[in-house]
Protein backbone atom coordinates (compact mmCIF):
# COMPACT_ATOMS: atom_id res chain seq x y z
CA MET A 1 128.65 105.15 91.82
CA LEU A 2 132.05 106.55 92.93
CA ALA A 3 132.59 109.58 94.82
CA PHE A 4 136.41 110.88 94.17
CA GLY A 5 137.62 114.43 95.33
CA GLY A 6 134.18 115.92 95.28
CA HIS A 7 133.24 114.53 92.10
CA TYR A 8 130.83 111.70 91.25
CA ILE A 9 131.62 109.06 88.82
CA HIS A 10 129.08 106.87 87.05
CA CYS A 11 129.86 104.55 84.14
CA GLY A 12 133.41 105.64 84.36
CA HIS A 13 132.41 109.40 83.61
CA PRO A 14 132.10 112.17 85.84
CA MET A 15 128.52 113.30 86.43
CA GLU A 16 127.49 116.93 85.20
CA LYS A 17 125.32 119.36 87.38
CA ILE A 18 122.36 120.18 85.21
CA GLY A 19 120.43 122.35 87.86
CA SER A 20 119.16 122.72 91.33
CA GLU A 21 115.71 121.82 93.01
CA LEU A 22 114.04 122.89 96.19
CA ARG A 23 112.52 120.05 97.86
CA ARG A 24 110.07 119.84 100.84
CA LEU A 25 110.13 116.97 103.58
CA SER A 26 107.17 116.75 105.87
CA ALA A 27 106.63 114.73 108.91
CA PRO A 28 103.91 114.82 111.65
CA ALA A 29 104.47 117.04 114.67
CA PHE A 30 102.96 114.41 117.01
CA THR A 31 103.23 110.78 116.82
CA ASP A 32 100.92 109.75 119.47
CA GLY A 33 97.98 109.37 117.14
CA ASP A 34 95.59 111.23 119.41
CA GLN A 35 95.49 114.65 117.49
CA LYS A 36 92.35 115.33 115.57
CA GLU A 37 94.11 117.74 113.24
CA THR A 38 97.59 116.61 112.20
CA GLU A 39 100.14 119.27 112.29
CA THR A 40 103.21 118.71 110.15
CA LEU A 41 106.64 120.08 110.26
CA ASP A 42 108.19 120.93 106.81
CA VAL A 43 111.74 121.38 105.99
CA TYR A 44 112.72 122.79 102.92
CA MET A 45 116.24 122.09 101.25
CA THR A 46 118.12 122.80 98.12
CA THR A 47 119.50 119.99 96.22
CA ARG A 48 121.85 119.73 93.17
CA VAL A 49 120.77 117.69 90.29
CA LEU A 50 123.52 115.49 88.75
CA ARG A 51 123.22 113.42 85.60
CA CYS A 52 125.56 110.76 83.93
CA ARG A 53 125.89 110.24 80.06
CA CYS A 54 123.85 107.15 80.39
CA GLY A 55 120.82 109.05 81.95
CA PHE A 56 121.22 108.03 85.42
CA GLN A 57 120.39 111.04 87.57
CA MET A 58 120.49 111.86 91.28
CA GLU A 59 119.97 114.77 93.60
CA LEU A 60 122.48 115.81 96.27
CA PRO A 61 121.84 118.42 99.24
CA GLU A 62 123.67 121.40 98.57
């Protein structure tokens, strides 16, 4: 994988954007373990999906 001037290169070819996804990341609000009901904090982020000609695919935050 090579990042060059805002482009991502894999297998010697620039990867193409094939779409976007909305991803949710969750983490416990408390880490002390004493909570009966675990509250979570959620973060939503949009990612762009890039794919190479060989089928390699990755997501990057927008």
